[in-house]
Amino acid sequence: MSYFINVVTLVAIFTVLGVSLNWLLGYGGMFSIAHGAFFGFGAYTFAILVMRHGWPLLPAFAAAAIVSGVI
């Protein structure tokens, strides 16, 4: 079961990265070097909340988005 949770977590993280890159590059026509840093902050926050603190997936996902937005 932990493998399935790992796969779902990775799919969610990379889906958010893909959609955000599509919005930024595709619709906005802008290139952002810092985009990878925001992705890293969100992914790290999500992983820490789920793996170490035992948060459910959706609240951890929302918290990671908030942390990335604040940074």
PDB file of N, CA and C in Angstrom:
ATOM      1  N   MET A   1       0.816  -1.193   0.000  1.00  0.00           N
ATOM      2  CA  MET A   1       0.000   0.000   0.000  1.00  0.00           C
ATOM      3  C   MET A   1       0.861   1.260   0.000  1.00  0.00           C
ATOM      4  N   SER A   2       2.034   1.215   0.624  1.00  0.00           N
ATOM      5  CA  SER A   2       2.881   2.400   0.669  1.00  0.00           C
ATOM      6  C   SER A   2       3.420   2.750  -0.715  1.00  0.00           C
ATOM      7  N   TYR A   3       3.621   1.742  -1.573  1.00  0.00           N
ATOM      8  CA  TYR A   3       4.060   2.015  -2.943  1.00  0.00           C
ATOM      9  C   TYR A   3       2.982   2.785  -3.705  1.00  0.00           C
ATOM     10  N   PHE A   4       1.738   2.389  -3.532  1.00  0.00           N
ATOM     11  CA  PHE A   4       0.623   3.066  -4.187  1.00  0.00           C
ATOM     12  C   PHE A   4       0.524   4.514  -3.723  1.00  0.00           C
ATOM     13  N   ILE A   5       0.669   4.753  -2.438  1.00  0.00           N
ATOM     14  CA  ILE A   5       0.629   6.119  -1.907  1.00  0.00           C
ATOM     15  C   ILE A   5       1.785   6.931  -2.463  1.00  0.00           C
ATOM     16  N   ASN A   6       2.958   6.339  -2.587  1.00  0.00           N
ATOM     17  CA  ASN A   6       4.109   7.020  -3.161  1.00  0.00           C
ATOM     18  C   ASN A   6       3.849   7.413  -4.615  1.00  0.00           C
ATOM     19  N   VAL A   7       3.278   6.502  -5.384  1.00  0.00           N
ATOM     20  CA  VAL A   7       2.981   6.793  -6.792  1.00  0.00           C
ATOM     21  C   VAL A   7       1.934   7.897  -6.909  1.00  0.00           C
ATOM     22  N   VAL A   8       0.882   7.830  -6.106  1.00  0.00           N
ATOM     23  CA  VAL A   8      -0.159   8.860  -6.137  1.00  0.00           C
ATOM     24  C   VAL A   8       0.420  10.219  -5.748  1.00  0.00           C
ATOM     25  N   THR A   9       1.285  10.248  -4.768  1.00  0.00           N
ATOM     26  CA  THR A   9       1.917  11.496  -4.352  1.00  0.00           C
ATOM     27  C   THR A   9       2.766  12.084  -5.470  1.00  0.00           C
ATOM     28  N   LEU A  10       3.565  11.259  -6.116  1.00  0.00           N
ATOM     29  CA  LEU A  10       4.391  11.741  -7.225  1.00  0.00           C
ATOM     30  C   LEU A  10       3.552  12.220  -8.395  1.00  0.00           C
ATOM     31  N   VAL A  11       2.481  11.517  -8.698  1.00  0.00           N
ATOM     32  CA  VAL A  11       1.597  11.945  -9.784  1.00  0.00           C
ATOM     33  C   VAL A  11       0.967  13.295  -9.466  1.00  0.00           C
ATOM     34  N   ALA A  12       0.532  13.485  -8.234  1.00  0.00           N
ATOM     35  CA  ALA A  12      -0.062  14.769  -7.846  1.00  0.00           C
ATOM     36  C   ALA A  12       0.957  15.905  -7.947  1.00  0.00           C
ATOM     37  N   ILE A  13       2.153  15.673  -7.486  1.00  0.00           N
ATOM     38  CA  ILE A  13       3.184  16.710  -7.511  1.00  0.00           C
ATOM     39  C   ILE A  13       3.548  17.080  -8.940  1.00  0.00           C
ATOM     40  N   PHE A  14       3.791  16.083  -9.781  1.00  0.00           N
ATOM     41  CA  PHE A  14       4.190  16.382 -11.149  1.00  0.00           C
ATOM     42  C   PHE A  14       3.031  16.903 -11.996  1.00  0.00           C
ATOM     43  N   THR A  15       1.802  16.578 -11.636  1.00  0.00           N
ATOM     44  CA  THR A  15       0.649  17.169 -12.314  1.00  0.00           C
ATOM     45  C   THR A  15       0.571  18.656 -12.042  1.00  0.00           C
ATOM     46  N   VAL A  16       0.777  19.039 -10.806  1.00  0.00           N
ATOM     47  CA  VAL A  16       0.773  20.461 -10.467  1.00  0.00           C
ATOM     48  C   VAL A  16       1.897  21.183 -11.199  1.00  0.00           C
ATOM     49  N   LEU A  17       3.073  20.590 -11.271  1.00  0.00           N
ATOM     50  CA  LEU A  17       4.180  21.212 -11.995  1.00  0.00           C
ATOM     51  C   LEU A  17       3.848  21.361 -13.475  1.00  0.00           C
ATOM     52  N   GLY A  18       3.299  20.340 -14.073  1.00  0.00           N
ATOM     53  CA  GLY A  18       2.964  20.406 -15.491  1.00  0.00           C
ATOM     54  C   GLY A  18       1.895  21.436 -15.805  1.00  0.00           C
ATOM     55  N   VAL A  19       0.864  21.490 -14.985  1.00  0.00           N
ATOM     56  CA  VAL A  19      -0.204  22.475 -15.208  1.00  0.00           C
ATOM     57  C   VAL A  19       0.316  23.888 -15.005  1.00  0.00           C
ATOM     58  N   SER A  20       1.107  24.100 -13.980  1.00  0.00           N
ATOM     59  CA  SER A  20       1.621  25.449 -13.739  1.00  0.00           C
ATOM     60  C   SER A  20       2.584  25.892 -14.834  1.00  0.00           C
ATOM     61  N   LEU A  21       3.409  24.974 -15.337  1.00  0.00           N
ATOM     62  CA  LEU A  21       4.279  25.323 -16.456  1.00  0.00           C
ATOM     63  C   LEU A  21       3.475  25.615 -17.718  1.00  0.00           C
ATOM     64  N   ASN A  22       2.398  24.880 -17.917  1.00  0.00           N
ATOM     65  CA  ASN A  22       1.536  25.142 -19.068  1.00  0.00           C
ATOM     66  C   ASN A  22       0.919  26.533 -18.974  1.00  0.00           C
ATOM     67  N   TRP A  23       0.450  26.913 -17.798  1.00  0.00           N
ATOM     68  CA  TRP A  23      -0.123  28.259 -17.630  1.00  0.00           C
ATOM     69  C   TRP A  23       0.927  29.328 -17.867  1.00  0.00           C
ATOM     70  N   LEU A  24       2.092  29.134 -17.291  1.00  0.00           N
ATOM     71  CA  LEU A  24       3.125  30.159 -17.366  1.00  0.00           C
ATOM     72  C   LEU A  24       3.721  30.270 -18.763  1.00  0.00           C
ATOM     73  N   LEU A  25       4.145  29.163 -19.322  1.00  0.00           N
ATOM     74  CA  LEU A  25       4.804  29.197 -20.627  1.00  0.00           C
ATOM     75  C   LEU A  25       3.812  29.208 -21.781  1.00  0.00           C
ATOM     76  N   GLY A  26       2.764  28.415 -21.685  1.00  0.00           N
ATOM     77  CA  GLY A  26       1.822  28.291 -22.781  1.00  0.00           C
ATOM     78  C   GLY A  26       0.910  29.479 -22.931  1.00  0.00           C
ATOM     79  N   TYR A  27       0.230  29.850 -21.874  1.00  0.00           N
ATOM     80  CA  TYR A  27      -0.740  30.934 -21.951  1.00  0.00           C
ATOM     81  C   TYR A  27      -0.106  32.292 -21.717  1.00  0.00           C
ATOM     82  N   GLY A  28       0.850  32.363 -20.831  1.00  0.00           N
ATOM     83  CA  GLY A  28       1.470  33.650 -20.509  1.00  0.00           C
ATOM     84  C   GLY A  28       2.639  34.011 -21.399  1.00  0.00           C
ATOM     85  N   GLY A  29       3.288  33.007 -21.986  1.00  0.00           N
ATOM     86  CA  GLY A  29       4.442  33.253 -22.832  1.00  0.00           C
ATOM     87  C   GLY A  29       5.665  33.724 -22.065  1.00  0.00           C
ATOM     88  N   MET A  30       5.702  33.462 -20.776  1.00  0.00           N
ATOM     89  CA  MET A  30       6.819  33.912 -19.942  1.00  0.00           C
ATOM     90  C   MET A  30       7.694  32.717 -19.556  1.00  0.00           C
ATOM     91  N   PHE A  31       8.962  32.999 -19.364  1.00  0.00           N
ATOM     92  CA  PHE A  31       9.898  31.979 -18.913  1.00  0.00           C
ATOM     93  C   PHE A  31      10.330  32.324 -17.495  1.00  0.00           C
ATOM     94  N   SER A  32      10.297  31.359 -16.599  1.00  0.00           N
ATOM     95  CA  SER A  32      10.635  31.608 -15.206  1.00  0.00           C
ATOM     96  C   SER A  32      11.714  30.636 -14.755  1.00  0.00           C
ATOM     97  N   ILE A  33      12.834  31.179 -14.330  1.00  0.00           N
ATOM     98  CA  ILE A  33      13.907  30.339 -13.802  1.00  0.00           C
ATOM     99  C   ILE A  33      13.564  29.860 -12.392  1.00  0.00           C
ATOM    100  N   ALA A  34      12.830  30.667 -11.649  1.00  0.00           N
ATOM    101  CA  ALA A  34      12.506  30.343 -10.264  1.00  0.00           C
ATOM    102  C   ALA A  34      11.379  29.323 -10.142  1.00  0.00           C
ATOM    103  N   HIS A  35      10.795  28.925 -11.251  1.00  0.00           N
ATOM    104  CA  HIS A  35       9.684  27.979 -11.199  1.00  0.00           C
ATOM    105  C   HIS A  35      10.089  26.660 -10.538  1.00  0.00           C
ATOM    106  N   GLY A  36      11.287  26.213 -10.824  1.00  0.00           N
ATOM    107  CA  GLY A  36      11.782  24.979 -10.200  1.00  0.00           C
ATOM    108  C   GLY A  36      11.950  25.117  -8.698  1.00  0.00           C
ATOM    109  N   ALA A  37      12.318  26.300  -8.244  1.00  0.00           N
ATOM    110  CA  ALA A  37      12.461  26.522  -6.800  1.00  0.00           C
ATOM    111  C   ALA A  37      11.110  26.454  -6.100  1.00  0.00           C
ATOM    112  N   PHE A  38      10.088  27.067  -6.697  1.00  0.00           N
ATOM    113  CA  PHE A  38       8.749  26.998  -6.105  1.00  0.00           C
ATOM    114  C   PHE A  38       8.236  25.560  -6.099  1.00  0.00           C
ATOM    115  N   PHE A  39       8.526  24.824  -7.149  1.00  0.00           N
ATOM    116  CA  PHE A  39       8.170  23.405  -7.200  1.00  0.00           C
ATOM    117  C   PHE A  39       8.858  22.643  -6.071  1.00  0.00           C
ATOM    118  N   GLY A  40      10.131  22.938  -5.859  1.00  0.00           N
ATOM    119  CA  GLY A  40      10.881  22.259  -4.801  1.00  0.00           C
ATOM    120  C   GLY A  40      10.346  22.561  -3.414  1.00  0.00           C
ATOM    121  N   PHE A  41      10.018  23.825  -3.153  1.00  0.00           N
ATOM    122  CA  PHE A  41       9.450  24.186  -1.849  1.00  0.00           C
ATOM    123  C   PHE A  41       8.123  23.463  -1.608  1.00  0.00           C
ATOM    124  N   GLY A  42       7.278  23.440  -2.618  1.00  0.00           N
ATOM    125  CA  GLY A  42       5.987  22.769  -2.477  1.00  0.00           C
ATOM    126  C   GLY A  42       6.135  21.268  -2.298  1.00  0.00           C
ATOM    127  N   ALA A  43       7.003  20.661  -3.087  1.00  0.00           N
ATOM    128  CA  ALA A  43       7.203  19.213  -2.995  1.00  0.00           C
ATOM    129  C   ALA A  43       7.810  18.828  -1.642  1.00  0.00           C
ATOM    130  N   TYR A  44       8.756  19.620  -1.175  1.00  0.00           N
ATOM    131  CA  TYR A  44       9.381  19.329   0.109  1.00  0.00           C
ATOM    132  C   TYR A  44       8.376  19.475   1.249  1.00  0.00           C
ATOM    133  N   THR A  45       7.579  20.526   1.198  1.00  0.00           N
ATOM    134  CA  THR A  45       6.548  20.729   2.221  1.00  0.00           C
ATOM    135  C   THR A  45       5.556  19.573   2.225  1.00  0.00           C
ATOM    136  N   PHE A  46       5.102  19.188   1.048  1.00  0.00           N
ATOM    137  CA  PHE A  46       4.155  18.083   0.925  1.00  0.00           C
ATOM    138  C   PHE A  46       4.737  16.789   1.491  1.00  0.00           C
ATOM    139  N   ALA A  47       5.976  16.491   1.127  1.00  0.00           N
ATOM    140  CA  ALA A  47       6.600  15.249   1.581  1.00  0.00           C
ATOM    141  C   ALA A  47       6.790  15.223   3.093  1.00  0.00           C
ATOM    142  N   ILE A  48       7.222  16.330   3.661  1.00  0.00           N
ATOM    143  CA  ILE A  48       7.419  16.381   5.116  1.00  0.00           C
ATOM    144  C   ILE A  48       6.096  16.212   5.853  1.00  0.00           C
ATOM    145  N   LEU A  49       5.048  16.895   5.378  1.00  0.00           N
ATOM    146  CA  LEU A  49       3.759  16.808   6.065  1.00  0.00           C
ATOM    147  C   LEU A  49       3.162  15.410   5.979  1.00  0.00           C
ATOM    148  N   VAL A  50       3.295  14.758   4.841  1.00  0.00           N
ATOM    149  CA  VAL A  50       2.701  13.428   4.678  1.00  0.00           C
ATOM    150  C   VAL A  50       3.539  12.354   5.363  1.00  0.00           C
ATOM    151  N   MET A  51       4.842  12.384   5.153  1.00  0.00           N
ATOM    152  CA  MET A  51       5.675  11.286   5.646  1.00  0.00           C
ATOM    153  C   MET A  51       6.010  11.395   7.131  1.00  0.00           C
ATOM    154  N   ARG A  52       6.337  12.573   7.609  1.00  0.00           N
ATOM    155  CA  ARG A  52       6.763  12.696   9.010  1.00  0.00           C
ATOM    156  C   ARG A  52       5.633  13.027   9.965  1.00  0.00           C
ATOM    157  N   HIS A  53       4.656  13.812   9.489  1.00  0.00           N
ATOM    158  CA  HIS A  53       3.596  14.254  10.387  1.00  0.00           C
ATOM    159  C   HIS A  53       2.278  13.523  10.172  1.00  0.00           C
ATOM    160  N   GLY A  54       2.195  12.684   9.142  1.00  0.00           N
ATOM    161  CA  GLY A  54       1.024  11.846   8.931  1.00  0.00           C
ATOM    162  C   GLY A  54      -0.225  12.577   8.474  1.00  0.00           C
ATOM    163  N   TRP A  55      -0.064  13.711   7.795  1.00  0.00           N
ATOM    164  CA  TRP A  55      -1.228  14.448   7.293  1.00  0.00           C
ATOM    165  C   TRP A  55      -1.874  13.671   6.154  1.00  0.00           C
ATOM    166  N   PRO A  56      -3.201  13.816   6.002  1.00  0.00           N
ATOM    167  CA  PRO A  56      -3.854  13.260   4.806  1.00  0.00           C
ATOM    168  C   PRO A  56      -3.392  14.006   3.550  1.00  0.00           C
ATOM    169  N   LEU A  57      -3.614  13.410   2.389  1.00  0.00           N
ATOM    170  CA  LEU A  57      -3.070  13.959   1.147  1.00  0.00           C
ATOM    171  C   LEU A  57      -3.620  15.339   0.793  1.00  0.00           C
ATOM    172  N   LEU A  58      -4.925  15.526   0.859  1.00  0.00           N
ATOM    173  CA  LEU A  58      -5.500  16.795   0.418  1.00  0.00           C
ATOM    174  C   LEU A  58      -5.112  17.986   1.301  1.00  0.00           C
ATOM    175  N   PRO A  59      -5.166  17.877   2.632  1.00  0.00           N
ATOM    176  CA  PRO A  59      -4.700  19.017   3.433  1.00  0.00           C
ATOM    177  C   PRO A  59      -3.203  19.312   3.247  1.00  0.00           C
ATOM    178  N   ALA A  60      -2.397  18.272   3.081  1.00  0.00           N
ATOM    179  CA  ALA A  60      -0.965  18.488   2.843  1.00  0.00           C
ATOM    180  C   ALA A  60      -0.745  19.151   1.488  1.00  0.00           C
ATOM    181  N   PHE A  61      -1.536  18.778   0.507  1.00  0.00           N
ATOM    182  CA  PHE A  61      -1.463  19.385  -0.820  1.00  0.00           C
ATOM    183  C   PHE A  61      -1.804  20.873  -0.753  1.00  0.00           C
ATOM    184  N   ALA A  62      -2.860  21.204  -0.016  1.00  0.00           N
ATOM    185  CA  ALA A  62      -3.252  22.602   0.140  1.00  0.00           C
ATOM    186  C   ALA A  62      -2.187  23.392   0.894  1.00  0.00           C
ATOM    187  N   ALA A  63      -1.616  22.803   1.935  1.00  0.00           N
ATOM    188  CA  ALA A  63      -0.570  23.489   2.701  1.00  0.00           C
ATOM    189  C   ALA A  63       0.676  23.722   1.852  1.00  0.00           C
ATOM    190  N   ALA A  64       1.028  22.766   1.014  1.00  0.00           N
ATOM    191  CA  ALA A  64       2.182  22.932   0.129  1.00  0.00           C
ATOM    192  C   ALA A  64       1.950  24.050  -0.873  1.00  0.00           C
ATOM    193  N   ALA A  65       0.733  24.161  -1.391  1.00  0.00           N
ATOM    194  CA  ALA A  65       0.404  25.246  -2.319  1.00  0.00           C
ATOM    195  C   ALA A  65       0.477  26.595  -1.613  1.00  0.00           C
ATOM    196  N   ILE A  66       0.036  26.657  -0.376  1.00  0.00           N
ATOM    197  CA  ILE A  66       0.084  27.907   0.380  1.00  0.00           C
ATOM    198  C   ILE A  66       1.523  28.303   0.666  1.00  0.00           C
ATOM    199  N   VAL A  67       2.349  27.336   1.070  1.00  0.00           N
ATOM    200  CA  VAL A  67       3.753  27.631   1.349  1.00  0.00           C
ATOM    201  C   VAL A  67       4.459  28.146   0.098  1.00  0.00           C
ATOM    202  N   SER A  68       4.222  27.497  -1.028  1.00  0.00           N
ATOM    203  CA  SER A  68       4.838  27.946  -2.280  1.00  0.00           C
ATOM    204  C   SER A  68       4.352  29.334  -2.660  1.00  0.00           C
ATOM    205  N   GLY A  69       3.083  29.600  -2.442  1.00  0.00           N
ATOM    206  CA  GLY A  69       2.539  30.921  -2.755  1.00  0.00           C
ATOM    207  C   GLY A  69       3.095  32.011  -1.869  1.00  0.00           C
ATOM    208  N   VAL A  70       3.294  31.690  -0.610  1.00  0.00           N
ATOM    209  CA  VAL A  70       3.849  32.698   0.320  1.00  0.00           C
ATOM    210  C   VAL A  70       5.307  32.994  -0.003  1.00  0.00           C
ATOM    211  N   ILE A  71       6.057  31.956  -0.339  1.00  0.00           N
ATOM    212  CA  ILE A  71       7.477  32.148  -0.660  1.00  0.00           C
ATOM    213  C   ILE A  71       7.591  32.891  -1.968  1.00  0.00           C
TER     214      ILE A  71
END
